[in-house]
C-alpha atoms as a PDB file:
ATOM      1  CA  MET A   1     -26.025  21.779 -35.732  1.00  0.00           C
ATOM      2  CA  PRO A   2     -27.958  22.548 -32.590  1.00  0.00           C
ATOM      3  CA  ARG A   3     -26.490  21.967 -29.374  1.00  0.00           C
ATOM      4  CA  GLN A   4     -27.811  19.199 -27.311  1.00  0.00           C
ATOM      5  CA  ALA A   5     -28.910  19.815 -23.732  1.00  0.00           C
ATOM      6  CA  SER A   6     -26.698  18.543 -21.019  1.00  0.00           C
ATOM      7  CA  ARG A   7     -28.377  15.565 -19.122  1.00  0.00           C
ATOM      8  CA  THR A   8     -26.559  16.295 -15.850  1.00  0.00           C
ATOM      9  CA  ALA A   9     -26.034  19.370 -13.707  1.00  0.00           C
ATOM     10  CA  ARG A  10     -22.847  20.179 -11.924  1.00  0.00           C
ATOM     11  CA  ILE A  11     -22.504  21.149  -8.314  1.00  0.00           C
ATOM     12  CA  GLU A  12     -19.574  22.027  -6.409  1.00  0.00           C
ATOM     13  CA  ALA A  13     -18.670  21.585  -2.660  1.00  0.00           C
ATOM     14  CA  ARG A  14     -15.692  21.939  -0.358  1.00  0.00           C
ATOM     15  CA  ILE A  15     -14.639  19.259   1.834  1.00  0.00           C
ATOM     16  CA  ALA A  16     -12.043  18.871   4.603  1.00  0.00           C
ATOM     17  CA  PRO A  17      -9.143  16.670   3.647  1.00  0.00           C
ATOM     18  CA  ASP A  18      -9.857  14.132   6.459  1.00  0.00           C
ATOM     19  CA  ALA A  19     -13.599  13.914   5.293  1.00  0.00           C
ATOM     20  CA  LEU A  20     -12.295  13.415   1.740  1.00  0.00           C
ATOM     21  CA  LEU A  21     -10.242  10.457   2.872  1.00  0.00           C
ATOM     22  CA  ILE A  22     -13.123   8.824   4.267  1.00  0.00           C
ATOM     23  CA  VAL A  23     -15.416   9.443   1.316  1.00  0.00           C
ATOM     24  CA  LYS A  24     -12.606   8.115  -1.007  1.00  0.00           C
ATOM     25  CA  ARG A  25     -12.192   4.980   0.977  1.00  0.00           C
ATOM     26  CA  ALA A  26     -16.124   4.505   1.010  1.00  0.00           C
ATOM     27  CA  ALA A  27     -16.365   4.908  -2.685  1.00  0.00           C
ATOM     28  CA  GLU A  28     -13.495   2.440  -3.298  1.00  0.00           C
ATOM     29  CA  LEU A  29     -15.228  -0.102  -1.012  1.00  0.00           C
ATOM     30  CA  GLN A  30     -18.348   0.137  -3.224  1.00  0.00           C
ATOM     31  CA  GLY A  31     -16.241   0.157  -6.497  1.00  0.00           C
ATOM     32  CA  ARG A  32     -17.703   3.708  -7.437  1.00  0.00           C
ATOM     33  CA  SER A  33     -16.232   6.965  -8.315  1.00  0.00           C
ATOM     34  CA  ILE A  34     -16.028   9.663  -5.796  1.00  0.00           C
ATOM     35  CA  SER A  35     -18.694  11.778  -7.623  1.00  0.00           C
ATOM     36  CA  ASP A  36     -21.043   8.644  -8.187  1.00  0.00           C
ATOM     37  CA  PHE A  37     -20.793   7.808  -4.371  1.00  0.00           C
ATOM     38  CA  LEU A  38     -21.571  11.350  -3.413  1.00  0.00           C
ATOM     39  CA  VAL A  39     -24.573  11.543  -5.545  1.00  0.00           C
ATOM     40  CA  ALA A  40     -25.885   8.327  -4.372  1.00  0.00           C
ATOM     41  CA  ALA A  41     -25.464   9.318  -0.819  1.00  0.00           C
ATOM     42  CA  ALA A  42     -26.990  12.754  -1.362  1.00  0.00           C
ATOM     43  CA  GLN A  43     -29.992  11.244  -3.041  1.00  0.00           C
ATOM     44  CA  GLU A  44     -30.345   8.584  -0.158  1.00  0.00           C
ATOM     45  CA  ILE A  45     -30.279  11.256   2.494  1.00  0.00           C
ATOM     46  CA  ALA A  46     -32.512  13.535   0.554  1.00  0.00           C
ATOM     47  CA  HIS A  47     -35.189  10.772   0.067  1.00  0.00           C
ATOM     48  CA  ARG A  48     -34.902  10.075   3.754  1.00  0.00           C
ATOM     49  CA  THR A  49     -35.303  13.763   4.659  1.00  0.00           C
ATOM     50  CA  ILE A  50     -38.359  14.108   2.439  1.00  0.00           C
ATOM     51  CA  ASP A  51     -39.968  10.847   3.790  1.00  0.00           C
ATOM     52  CA  GLU A  52     -39.271  11.954   7.389  1.00  0.00           C
ATOM     53  CA  ALA A  53     -41.083  15.325   6.636  1.00  0.00           C
ATOM     54  CA  GLN A  54     -44.156  13.687   4.899  1.00  0.00           C
ATOM     55  CA  ILE A  55     -44.684  10.405   6.768  1.00  0.00           C
ATOM     56  CA  ILE A  56     -46.046  10.225  10.360  1.00  0.00           C
ATOM     57  CA  ARG A  57     -44.924   7.170  12.152  1.00  0.00           C
ATOM     58  CA  LEU A  58     -46.640   5.925  15.226  1.00  0.00           C
ATOM     59  CA  SER A  59     -45.985   3.301  17.701  1.00  0.00           C
ATOM     60  CA  VAL A  60     -48.425   0.416  17.751  1.00  0.00           C
ATOM     61  CA  GLN A  61     -49.971   1.925  21.048  1.00  0.00           C
ATOM     62  CA  ASP A  62     -50.259   5.325  19.347  1.00  0.00           C
ATOM     63  CA  GLN A  63     -51.853   3.825  16.249  1.00  0.00           C
ATOM     64  CA  GLN A  64     -54.507   2.017  18.498  1.00  0.00           C
ATOM     65  CA  ARG A  65     -55.222   5.278  20.352  1.00  0.00           C
ATOM     66  CA  PHE A  66     -55.530   7.234  17.046  1.00  0.00           C
ATOM     67  CA  VAL A  67     -57.991   4.767  15.775  1.00  0.00           C
ATOM     68  CA  GLU A  68     -59.932   4.697  19.006  1.00  0.00           C
ATOM     69  CA  LEU A  69     -60.325   8.467  18.867  1.00  0.00           C
ATOM     70  CA  LEU A  70     -61.396   8.384  15.132  1.00  0.00           C
ATOM     71  CA  LEU A  71     -64.006   5.868  15.855  1.00  0.00           C
ATOM     72  CA  ASN A  72     -65.204   7.321  19.319  1.00  0.00           C
ATOM     73  CA  PRO A  73     -64.369  10.800  19.217  1.00  0.00           C
ATOM     74  CA  PRO A  74     -64.618  12.703  22.699  1.00  0.00           C
ATOM     75  CA  VAL A  75     -67.531  14.976  23.530  1.00  0.00           C
ATOM     76  CA  LEU A  76     -66.656  18.561  22.305  1.00  0.00           C
ATOM     77  CA  ALA A  77     -65.919  21.093  25.090  1.00  0.00           C
ATOM     78  CA  PRO A  78     -68.633  23.883  25.280  1.00  0.00           C
ATOM     79  CA  ALA A  79     -65.826  26.426  23.902  1.00  0.00           C
ATOM     80  CA  LEU A  80     -65.148  24.186  20.958  1.00  0.00           C
ATOM     81  CA  LYS A  81     -68.850  23.957  20.165  1.00  0.00           C
ATOM     82  CA  ARG A  82     -69.143  27.751  20.162  1.00  0.00           C
ATOM     83  CA  ALA A  83     -66.218  27.951  17.934  1.00  0.00           C
ATOM     84  CA  LYS A  84     -67.638  25.454  15.469  1.00  0.00           C
ATOM     85  CA  LYS A  85     -70.927  27.484  15.379  1.00  0.00           C
ATOM     86  CA  ALA A  86     -69.016  30.732  14.894  1.00  0.00           C
ATOM     87  CA  HIS A  87     -66.993  29.200  12.127  1.00  0.00           C
ATOM     88  CA  GLY A  88     -70.232  27.910  10.480  1.00  0.00           C
ATOM     89  CA  ARG A  89     -71.737  31.385  10.700  1.00  0.00           C
ATOM     90  CA  LEU A  90     -68.669  33.016   9.242  1.00  0.00           C
ATOM     91  CA  ILE A  91     -68.538  30.619   6.270  1.00  0.00           C
ATOM     92  CA  ALA A  92     -72.170  30.875   5.545  1.00  0.00           C
ATOM     93  CA  SER A  93     -71.942  34.685   5.484  1.00  0.00           C
ATOM     94  CA  SER A  94     -69.089  34.773   3.188  1.00  0.00           C
ATOM     95  CA  ARG A  95     -70.897  32.899   0.382  1.00  0.00           C
END
């Protein structure tokens, strides 16, 4: 009979005794096992970390400034105009 693949993976971590007491207490308060509590906490912080890395949050004032610059971009400085032309020539010559 073929062996079925495990649906879970195992991780191991060391934890200080005082930290373990806090984790145990929190898990008890939520009616969860320590393992379930740790997995849920790890997933929550992982999602938050990913969101913070991928989502740009702006204040209302910064949002307004961003939109204003998109709708009415500033005039390009001469050096930037030259760089844009040089880039265009470089791209055209590479084709």
